Amino acid sequence: MSSITVVIASYKYGHLAAHCIESILAQTKPADKILFVDDGVGDCSHLPPIYPEVEYILRDKNLGTVENFQDMLMRVTTERCMFIGADNWLRPDTLQILSKFKSDIVIYDIIVTGDTKKGLLQRHGHEMTEIGNGDLYWSRLNGHHGSMLYDTKKAQEIGYKRFGQNNPEEDLYLYNGMKNLNCTIEWVPEGLLYYRRHRENYIKN
């Protein structure tokens, strides 16, 4: 099996990040490396003593999503890589399942949870179904998402750059660029990522 780095990106998610880290550490196939980045907020300093097996980049200044992701991507040395927001989490067998696929990009389905989850229905309702507990199952058969597993060297060749005006959509830029390199793509029809939709990114004092 190829080596995998999971990059956990936090911006005002310090109060949620431990849940995400726990979900990576609990994987049935362990990640070869876990990189955690706090993009200049300063609410994650409590994490290194609790999870010393994670490598931390705690920025003094905010770089912004695109520049932050690009810097983290260029730090990865394993064969494959995955980014995840620190407010989200993975099913315990995610890396084990995805490692079986050899394509340059591996996409999988998402479980959307949280108190503002229904807001996505206006834009993506044709791709979603409601499951028993009120959460949404989001099929990514015909699309990308920010936590794809991908070949590191090919991703580094393209990099993260701004794609849209209002929303940077850096993950779409990377996906399209890798497609233009004729990278191979596979889709796993299982909900492996729990995507938390919530009103606030942080707890106000």
C-alpha atoms as a PDB file:
ATOM      1  CA  MET A   1       0.000   0.000   0.000  1.00  0.00           C
ATOM      2  CA  SER A   2       1.196   3.506  -0.793  1.00  0.00           C
ATOM      3  CA  SER A   3       2.099   5.948   1.972  1.00  0.00           C
ATOM      4  CA  ILE A   4      -0.454   8.616   2.909  1.00  0.00           C
ATOM      5  CA  THR A   5      -0.307  11.997   4.625  1.00  0.00           C
ATOM      6  CA  VAL A   6      -3.464  13.522   6.070  1.00  0.00           C
ATOM      7  CA  VAL A   7      -3.364  17.313   6.339  1.00  0.00           C
ATOM      8  CA  ILE A   8      -5.795  18.755   8.897  1.00  0.00           C
ATOM      9  CA  ALA A   9      -6.520  22.435   8.258  1.00  0.00           C
ATOM     10  CA  SER A  10      -7.974  24.632  10.992  1.00  0.00           C
ATOM     11  CA  TYR A  11      -9.286  28.189  10.897  1.00  0.00           C
ATOM     12  CA  LYS A  12     -11.216  29.003  14.083  1.00  0.00           C
ATOM     13  CA  TYR A  13     -11.883  25.274  14.612  1.00  0.00           C
ATOM     14  CA  GLY A  14      -9.757  24.805  17.726  1.00  0.00           C
ATOM     15  CA  HIS A  15     -12.766  23.686  19.772  1.00  0.00           C
ATOM     16  CA  LEU A  16     -13.612  20.961  17.210  1.00  0.00           C
ATOM     17  CA  ALA A  17     -10.164  19.856  16.072  1.00  0.00           C
ATOM     18  CA  ALA A  18      -9.629  17.086  18.656  1.00  0.00           C
ATOM     19  CA  HIS A  19     -12.591  15.179  17.201  1.00  0.00           C
ATOM     20  CA  CYS A  20     -11.009  15.329  13.751  1.00  0.00           C
ATOM     21  CA  ILE A  21      -7.578  14.263  15.026  1.00  0.00           C
ATOM     22  CA  GLU A  22      -9.119  11.357  16.936  1.00  0.00           C
ATOM     23  CA  SER A  23     -10.839  10.163  13.756  1.00  0.00           C
ATOM     24  CA  ILE A  24      -7.502  10.083  11.919  1.00  0.00           C
ATOM     25  CA  LEU A  25      -5.658   8.350  14.753  1.00  0.00           C
ATOM     26  CA  ALA A  26      -8.442   5.743  14.962  1.00  0.00           C
ATOM     27  CA  GLN A  27      -8.081   4.655  11.324  1.00  0.00           C
ATOM     28  CA  THR A  28      -7.840   0.895  10.763  1.00  0.00           C
ATOM     29  CA  LYS A  29      -5.022   1.704   8.317  1.00  0.00           C
ATOM     30  CA  PRO A  30      -2.952   4.385  10.054  1.00  0.00           C
ATOM     31  CA  ALA A  31      -1.864   7.468   8.143  1.00  0.00           C
ATOM     32  CA  ASP A  32       1.903   7.523   7.614  1.00  0.00           C
ATOM     33  CA  LYS A  33       1.970  11.189   8.615  1.00  0.00           C
ATOM     34  CA  ILE A  34      -0.517  13.686  10.035  1.00  0.00           C
ATOM     35  CA  LEU A  35       0.135  17.389   9.484  1.00  0.00           C
ATOM     36  CA  PHE A  36      -1.994  19.889  11.384  1.00  0.00           C
ATOM     37  CA  VAL A  37      -2.053  23.570  10.453  1.00  0.00           C
ATOM     38  CA  ASP A  38      -3.686  26.446  12.337  1.00  0.00           C
ATOM     39  CA  ASP A  39      -3.817  29.335   9.887  1.00  0.00           C
ATOM     40  CA  GLY A  40      -2.967  32.175  12.227  1.00  0.00           C
ATOM     41  CA  VAL A  41      -5.860  32.042  14.692  1.00  0.00           C
ATOM     42  CA  GLY A  42      -4.058  30.780  17.798  1.00  0.00           C
ATOM     43  CA  ASP A  43      -6.813  28.549  19.181  1.00  0.00           C
ATOM     44  CA  CYS A  44      -5.006  25.216  18.753  1.00  0.00           C
ATOM     45  CA  SER A  45      -2.051  25.542  21.127  1.00  0.00           C
ATOM     46  CA  HIS A  46      -3.659  23.033  23.502  1.00  0.00           C
ATOM     47  CA  LEU A  47      -3.392  20.202  20.948  1.00  0.00           C
ATOM     48  CA  PRO A  48       0.370  19.380  20.706  1.00  0.00           C
ATOM     49  CA  PRO A  49       0.674  18.122  24.317  1.00  0.00           C
ATOM     50  CA  ILE A  50      -2.418  15.941  23.848  1.00  0.00           C
ATOM     51  CA  TYR A  51      -1.484  14.541  20.425  1.00  0.00           C
ATOM     52  CA  PRO A  52       2.340  14.579  20.164  1.00  0.00           C
ATOM     53  CA  GLU A  53       2.268  12.103  17.262  1.00  0.00           C
ATOM     54  CA  VAL A  54       0.885  14.850  15.018  1.00  0.00           C
ATOM     55  CA  GLU A  55       3.199  17.380  13.348  1.00  0.00           C
ATOM     56  CA  TYR A  56       2.010  20.976  13.844  1.00  0.00           C
ATOM     57  CA  ILE A  57       2.345  24.215  11.924  1.00  0.00           C
ATOM     58  CA  LEU A  58       0.822  26.967  14.080  1.00  0.00           C
ATOM     59  CA  ARG A  59       1.071  30.116  11.992  1.00  0.00           C
ATOM     60  CA  ASP A  60       1.605  33.540  13.518  1.00  0.00           C
ATOM     61  CA  LYS A  61      -0.232  35.209  10.615  1.00  0.00           C
ATOM     62  CA  ASN A  62      -3.148  34.116   8.480  1.00  0.00           C
ATOM     63  CA  LEU A  63      -2.204  33.144   4.919  1.00  0.00           C
ATOM     64  CA  GLY A  64      -5.720  32.572   3.637  1.00  0.00           C
ATOM     65  CA  THR A  65      -7.124  29.311   2.346  1.00  0.00           C
ATOM     66  CA  VAL A  66      -5.355  29.051  -1.009  1.00  0.00           C
ATOM     67  CA  GLU A  67      -1.884  30.053   0.149  1.00  0.00           C
ATOM     68  CA  ASN A  68      -2.209  27.950   3.304  1.00  0.00           C
ATOM     69  CA  PHE A  69      -3.218  24.841   1.369  1.00  0.00           C
ATOM     70  CA  GLN A  70      -0.503  25.343  -1.231  1.00  0.00           C
ATOM     71  CA  ASP A  71       2.177  25.668   1.445  1.00  0.00           C
ATOM     72  CA  MET A  72       0.947  22.506   3.174  1.00  0.00           C
ATOM     73  CA  LEU A  73       0.752  20.563  -0.091  1.00  0.00           C
ATOM     74  CA  MET A  74       4.393  21.348  -0.850  1.00  0.00           C
ATOM     75  CA  ARG A  75       5.407  20.002   2.588  1.00  0.00           C
ATOM     76  CA  VAL A  76       4.006  16.523   1.842  1.00  0.00           C
ATOM     77  CA  THR A  77       6.595  13.823   1.083  1.00  0.00           C
ATOM     78  CA  THR A  78       4.425  10.677   1.014  1.00  0.00           C
ATOM     79  CA  GLU A  79       3.092   9.153  -2.187  1.00  0.00           C
ATOM     80  CA  ARG A  80      -0.498  10.236  -1.566  1.00  0.00           C
ATOM     81  CA  CYS A  81      -2.227  13.009   0.301  1.00  0.00           C
ATOM     82  CA  MET A  82      -5.599  14.042   1.691  1.00  0.00           C
ATOM     83  CA  PHE A  83      -6.765  17.372   3.175  1.00  0.00           C
ATOM     84  CA  ILE A  84      -9.552  17.565   5.753  1.00  0.00           C
ATOM     85  CA  GLY A  85     -11.065  20.507   7.601  1.00  0.00           C
ATOM     86  CA  ALA A  86     -10.558  20.334  11.365  1.00  0.00           C
ATOM     87  CA  ASP A  87     -14.326  20.609  11.867  1.00  0.00           C
ATOM     88  CA  ASN A  88     -14.948  17.370   9.931  1.00  0.00           C
ATOM     89  CA  TRP A  89     -14.053  13.736  10.582  1.00  0.00           C
ATOM     90  CA  LEU A  90     -13.528  10.395   8.815  1.00  0.00           C
ATOM     91  CA  ARG A  91     -15.139   7.001   9.200  1.00  0.00           C
ATOM     92  CA  PRO A  92     -12.602   4.670  10.879  1.00  0.00           C
ATOM     93  CA  ASP A  93     -12.036   2.501   7.793  1.00  0.00           C
ATOM     94  CA  THR A  94     -11.639   5.373   5.312  1.00  0.00           C
ATOM     95  CA  LEU A  95      -7.912   5.082   4.640  1.00  0.00           C
ATOM     96  CA  GLN A  96      -8.074   1.297   4.503  1.00  0.00           C
ATOM     97  CA  ILE A  97     -10.792   1.444   1.840  1.00  0.00           C
ATOM     98  CA  LEU A  98      -9.216   4.212  -0.219  1.00  0.00           C
ATOM     99  CA  SER A  99      -5.774   2.570  -0.174  1.00  0.00           C
ATOM    100  CA  LYS A 100      -7.149  -0.304  -2.252  1.00  0.00           C
ATOM    101  CA  PHE A 101      -7.595   2.035  -5.205  1.00  0.00           C
ATOM    102  CA  LYS A 102      -4.559   2.897  -7.315  1.00  0.00           C
ATOM    103  CA  SER A 103      -5.930   5.845  -9.285  1.00  0.00           C
ATOM    104  CA  ASP A 104      -4.347   9.291  -9.145  1.00  0.00           C
ATOM    105  CA  ILE A 105      -7.549  10.716  -7.624  1.00  0.00           C
ATOM    106  CA  VAL A 106      -9.960   8.775  -5.420  1.00  0.00           C
ATOM    107  CA  ILE A 107     -13.295  10.468  -4.659  1.00  0.00           C
ATOM    108  CA  TYR A 108     -15.865   9.156  -2.202  1.00  0.00           C
ATOM    109  CA  ASP A 109     -19.252  10.142  -0.824  1.00  0.00           C
ATOM    110  CA  ILE A 110     -20.020  12.476   2.079  1.00  0.00           C
ATOM    111  CA  ILE A 111     -22.362  12.454   5.052  1.00  0.00           C
ATOM    112  CA  VAL A 112     -23.481  16.043   5.701  1.00  0.00           C
ATOM    113  CA  THR A 113     -24.340  16.765   9.325  1.00  0.00           C
ATOM    114  CA  GLY A 114     -24.692  19.805  11.586  1.00  0.00           C
ATOM    115  CA  ASP A 115     -27.384  22.389  12.230  1.00  0.00           C
ATOM    116  CA  THR A 116     -27.127  24.159   8.843  1.00  0.00           C
ATOM    117  CA  LYS A 117     -26.860  21.050   6.674  1.00  0.00           C
ATOM    118  CA  LYS A 118     -30.103  21.706   4.797  1.00  0.00           C
ATOM    119  CA  GLY A 119     -28.622  24.879   3.320  1.00  0.00           C
ATOM    120  CA  LEU A 120     -26.769  22.728   0.772  1.00  0.00           C
ATOM    121  CA  LEU A 121     -30.000  21.334  -0.630  1.00  0.00           C
ATOM    122  CA  GLN A 122     -30.638  24.467  -2.688  1.00  0.00           C
ATOM    123  CA  ARG A 123     -27.412  23.975  -4.628  1.00  0.00           C
ATOM    124  CA  HIS A 124     -26.864  20.217  -4.518  1.00  0.00           C
ATOM    125  CA  GLY A 125     -30.262  18.701  -3.781  1.00  0.00           C
ATOM    126  CA  HIS A 126     -30.196  16.541  -6.923  1.00  0.00           C
ATOM    127  CA  GLU A 127     -27.103  14.778  -5.539  1.00  0.00           C
ATOM    128  CA  MET A 128     -28.397  14.301  -1.994  1.00  0.00           C
ATOM    129  CA  THR A 129     -30.748  12.010  -0.141  1.00  0.00           C
ATOM    130  CA  GLU A 130     -31.884  12.332   3.470  1.00  0.00           C
ATOM    131  CA  ILE A 131     -30.902   9.419   5.690  1.00  0.00           C
ATOM    132  CA  GLY A 132     -32.591   8.116   8.801  1.00  0.00           C
ATOM    133  CA  ASN A 133     -31.243  10.528  11.404  1.00  0.00           C
ATOM    134  CA  GLY A 134     -31.887  13.651   9.324  1.00  0.00           C
ATOM    135  CA  ASP A 135     -28.366  13.896   7.946  1.00  0.00           C
ATOM    136  CA  LEU A 136     -27.779  14.084   4.189  1.00  0.00           C
ATOM    137  CA  TYR A 137     -26.006  11.547   1.997  1.00  0.00           C
ATOM    138  CA  TRP A 138     -24.109  13.374  -0.756  1.00  0.00           C
ATOM    139  CA  SER A 139     -23.115  11.298  -3.771  1.00  0.00           C
ATOM    140  CA  ARG A 140     -19.953  12.561  -5.475  1.00  0.00           C
ATOM    141  CA  LEU A 141     -20.269  10.330  -8.534  1.00  0.00           C
ATOM    142  CA  ASN A 142     -19.935  13.281 -10.917  1.00  0.00           C
ATOM    143  CA  GLY A 143     -17.862  15.679  -8.857  1.00  0.00           C
ATOM    144  CA  HIS A 144     -14.939  16.454  -6.620  1.00  0.00           C
ATOM    145  CA  HIS A 145     -14.585  17.588  -3.011  1.00  0.00           C
ATOM    146  CA  GLY A 146     -11.912  19.043  -0.767  1.00  0.00           C
ATOM    147  CA  SER A 147     -10.928  15.763   0.907  1.00  0.00           C
ATOM    148  CA  MET A 148     -10.090  13.713  -2.163  1.00  0.00           C
ATOM    149  CA  LEU A 149      -7.167  11.285  -1.910  1.00  0.00           C
ATOM    150  CA  TYR A 150      -4.653  12.083  -4.616  1.00  0.00           C
ATOM    151  CA  ASP A 151      -1.179  11.412  -5.952  1.00  0.00           C
ATOM    152  CA  THR A 152       1.107  13.903  -4.243  1.00  0.00           C
ATOM    153  CA  LYS A 153       3.617  14.559  -7.030  1.00  0.00           C
ATOM    154  CA  LYS A 154       0.926  15.104  -9.641  1.00  0.00           C
ATOM    155  CA  ALA A 155      -1.005  17.356  -7.275  1.00  0.00           C
ATOM    156  CA  GLN A 156       2.140  19.366  -6.544  1.00  0.00           C
ATOM    157  CA  GLU A 157       2.630  19.832 -10.272  1.00  0.00           C
ATOM    158  CA  ILE A 158      -0.745  21.612 -10.444  1.00  0.00           C
ATOM    159  CA  GLY A 159      -0.964  23.126  -6.967  1.00  0.00           C
ATOM    160  CA  TYR A 160      -3.739  24.950  -5.186  1.00  0.00           C
ATOM    161  CA  LYS A 161      -4.754  28.233  -6.823  1.00  0.00           C
ATOM    162  CA  ARG A 162      -7.855  30.421  -6.761  1.00  0.00           C
ATOM    163  CA  PHE A 163     -10.531  29.219  -9.191  1.00  0.00           C
ATOM    164  CA  GLY A 164     -13.602  31.353  -8.410  1.00  0.00           C
ATOM    165  CA  GLN A 165     -14.163  35.002  -7.537  1.00  0.00           C
ATOM    166  CA  ASN A 166     -16.461  34.789  -4.505  1.00  0.00           C
ATOM    167  CA  ASN A 167     -15.424  31.278  -3.440  1.00  0.00           C
ATOM    168  CA  PRO A 168     -11.766  30.380  -4.151  1.00  0.00           C
ATOM    169  CA  GLU A 169     -12.697  26.751  -4.977  1.00  0.00           C
ATOM    170  CA  GLU A 170      -9.038  25.777  -4.740  1.00  0.00           C
ATOM    171  CA  ASP A 171     -10.012  22.105  -4.661  1.00  0.00           C
ATOM    172  CA  LEU A 172     -11.808  22.454  -8.008  1.00  0.00           C
ATOM    173  CA  TYR A 173      -8.732  24.110  -9.512  1.00  0.00           C
ATOM    174  CA  LEU A 174      -6.605  21.174  -8.371  1.00  0.00           C
ATOM    175  CA  TYR A 175      -9.139  18.619  -9.591  1.00  0.00           C
ATOM    176  CA  ASN A 176      -9.482  20.187 -13.037  1.00  0.00           C
ATOM    177  CA  GLY A 177      -5.742  20.581 -13.376  1.00  0.00           C
ATOM    178  CA  MET A 178      -5.108  16.943 -12.549  1.00  0.00           C
ATOM    179  CA  LYS A 179      -7.810  15.892 -15.018  1.00  0.00           C
ATOM    180  CA  ASN A 180      -5.997  17.932 -17.682  1.00  0.00           C
ATOM    181  CA  LEU A 181      -2.886  15.899 -16.892  1.00  0.00           C
ATOM    182  CA  ASN A 182      -4.959  12.821 -17.797  1.00  0.00           C
ATOM    183  CA  CYS A 183      -4.846  11.592 -14.218  1.00  0.00           C
ATOM    184  CA  THR A 184      -6.942   8.524 -13.507  1.00  0.00           C
ATOM    185  CA  ILE A 185     -10.022   8.962 -11.298  1.00  0.00           C
ATOM    186  CA  GLU A 186     -12.101   6.498  -9.294  1.00  0.00           C
ATOM    187  CA  TRP A 187     -15.233   6.965  -7.219  1.00  0.00           C
ATOM    188  CA  VAL A 188     -16.040   4.993  -4.057  1.00  0.00           C
ATOM    189  CA  PRO A 189     -19.825   4.907  -3.416  1.00  0.00           C
ATOM    190  CA  GLU A 190     -19.556   5.006   0.385  1.00  0.00           C
ATOM    191  CA  GLY A 191     -20.045   7.855   2.866  1.00  0.00           C
ATOM    192  CA  LEU A 192     -16.593   8.084   4.422  1.00  0.00           C
ATOM    193  CA  LEU A 193     -16.318  11.789   5.264  1.00  0.00           C
ATOM    194  CA  TYR A 194     -18.551  13.472   7.843  1.00  0.00           C
ATOM    195  CA  TYR A 195     -18.916  17.084   6.763  1.00  0.00           C
ATOM    196  CA  ARG A 196     -20.055  19.284   9.624  1.00  0.00           C
ATOM    197  CA  ARG A 197     -22.189  22.299   8.653  1.00  0.00           C
ATOM    198  CA  HIS A 198     -22.500  24.770  11.520  1.00  0.00           C
ATOM    199  CA  ARG A 199     -23.431  28.404  12.099  1.00  0.00           C
ATOM    200  CA  GLU A 200     -20.219  29.582  13.735  1.00  0.00           C
ATOM    201  CA  ASN A 201     -16.617  28.600  13.119  1.00  0.00           C
ATOM    202  CA  TYR A 202     -15.688  29.350  16.697  1.00  0.00           C
ATOM    203  CA  ILE A 203     -17.044  29.878  20.193  1.00  0.00           C
ATOM    204  CA  LYS A 204     -17.395  33.586  20.962  1.00  0.00           C
ATOM    205  CA  ASN A 205     -16.105  34.843  24.293  1.00  0.00           C
END
